[in-house]
Amino acid sequence: MKIKVLYFASVKEKLGRNAEDVEVPAGIATVAALRAHLGSRGGAYAEVFSENKLIKAAVNEDMVAATAPIKAGDEVAFFPPVTGG
């Protein structure tokens, strides 16, 4: 299945891109599984999506938990947590 993945703030800076279309292998059906899949690419992806990094996610512009399902055509956004000043 194909989904659109958006990157914001430091995630975007580290990956050097703000978006990409990703062909997701069969069996990847949640935000957490997508995150693990992206991290398996290695390099900057492995750093950004490592299990010890706190990353927020949204599916189709709605904030979601890591267990949220994803499906073909979804737009998934990843961004760091925001702190106030």
Protein backbone atom coordinates (compact mmCIF):
# COMPACT_ATOMS: atom_id res chain seq x y z
CA MET A 1 0.00 0.00 0.00
CA LYS A 2 1.12 3.54 -0.64
CA ILE A 3 0.93 6.34 1.94
CA LYS A 4 2.19 9.91 2.14
CA VAL A 5 4.61 10.56 5.00
CA LEU A 6 5.26 14.12 6.19
CA TYR A 7 8.17 15.23 8.39
CA PHE A 8 8.26 18.38 10.52
CA ALA A 9 10.77 20.42 12.56
CA SER A 10 13.91 18.52 13.66
CA VAL A 11 12.66 15.31 11.99
CA LYS A 12 12.56 17.16 8.67
CA GLU A 13 15.98 18.71 9.28
CA LYS A 14 17.65 15.39 10.11
CA LEU A 15 16.12 13.55 7.16
CA GLY A 16 16.65 16.40 4.71
CA ARG A 17 13.13 16.19 3.32
CA ASN A 18 9.65 17.31 4.30
CA ALA A 19 7.60 14.54 2.65
CA GLU A 20 7.73 11.35 0.64
CA ASP A 21 5.43 8.73 -0.79
CA VAL A 22 6.18 5.38 0.83
CA GLU A 23 5.26 1.96 -0.50
CA VAL A 24 4.56 0.08 2.74
CA PRO A 25 5.15 -3.68 2.77
CA ALA A 26 2.34 -6.06 3.68
CA GLY A 27 1.93 -6.53 7.40
CA ILE A 28 2.62 -2.91 8.33
CA ALA A 29 -0.72 -1.74 9.67
CA THR A 30 -0.01 0.66 12.55
CA VAL A 31 1.91 3.88 13.13
CA ALA A 32 4.39 1.96 15.31
CA ALA A 33 5.03 -0.59 12.57
CA LEU A 34 5.50 2.21 10.04
CA ARG A 35 7.95 3.92 12.36
CA ALA A 36 9.93 0.68 12.75
CA HIS A 37 9.89 0.18 8.96
CA LEU A 38 11.22 3.69 8.36
CA GLY A 39 13.91 3.21 11.02
CA SER A 40 15.05 0.01 9.30
CA ARG A 41 16.23 2.13 6.37
CA GLY A 42 19.32 2.96 8.43
CA GLY A 43 21.32 6.17 8.55
CA ALA A 44 19.39 9.26 9.57
CA TYR A 45 16.14 7.26 9.53
CA ALA A 46 17.52 4.85 12.15
CA GLU A 47 18.51 7.80 14.33
CA VAL A 48 15.22 9.68 14.00
CA PHE A 49 12.99 6.63 14.47
CA SER A 50 14.99 4.77 17.13
CA GLU A 51 12.85 3.34 19.91
CA ASN A 52 14.28 5.70 22.51
CA LYS A 53 13.33 8.85 20.56
CA LEU A 54 10.04 10.52 21.42
CA ILE A 55 8.20 11.23 18.16
CA LYS A 56 4.59 12.32 17.84
CA ALA A 57 2.39 11.19 14.96
CA ALA A 58 -0.78 12.26 13.20
CA VAL A 59 -2.84 10.32 10.68
CA ASN A 60 -4.88 12.42 8.28
CA GLU A 61 -4.25 15.47 10.51
CA ASP A 62 -5.50 13.80 13.72
CA MET A 63 -3.06 13.15 16.58
CA VAL A 64 -2.84 9.40 17.21
CA ALA A 65 -1.18 6.84 19.44
CA ALA A 66 1.45 4.46 18.10
CA THR A 67 -1.17 1.72 17.96
CA ALA A 68 -3.35 3.67 15.50
CA PRO A 69 -4.08 1.83 12.26
CA ILE A 70 -2.91 3.06 8.87
CA LYS A 71 -4.33 2.23 5.47
CA ALA A 72 -3.62 2.93 1.82
CA GLY A 73 -3.93 6.59 0.92
CA ASP A 74 -3.40 7.86 4.48
CA GLU A 75 -1.21 10.85 5.25
CA VAL A 76 1.03 10.18 8.26
CA ALA A 77 2.99 13.01 9.84
CA PHE A 78 5.91 12.67 12.27
CA PHE A 79 7.21 15.47 14.45
CA PRO A 80 9.04 15.99 17.73
CA PRO A 81 7.12 16.83 20.89
CA VAL A 82 6.60 20.56 21.31
CA THR A 83 7.55 22.36 24.48
CA GLY A 84 6.35 25.75 25.56
CA GLY A 85 8.63 28.59 26.55
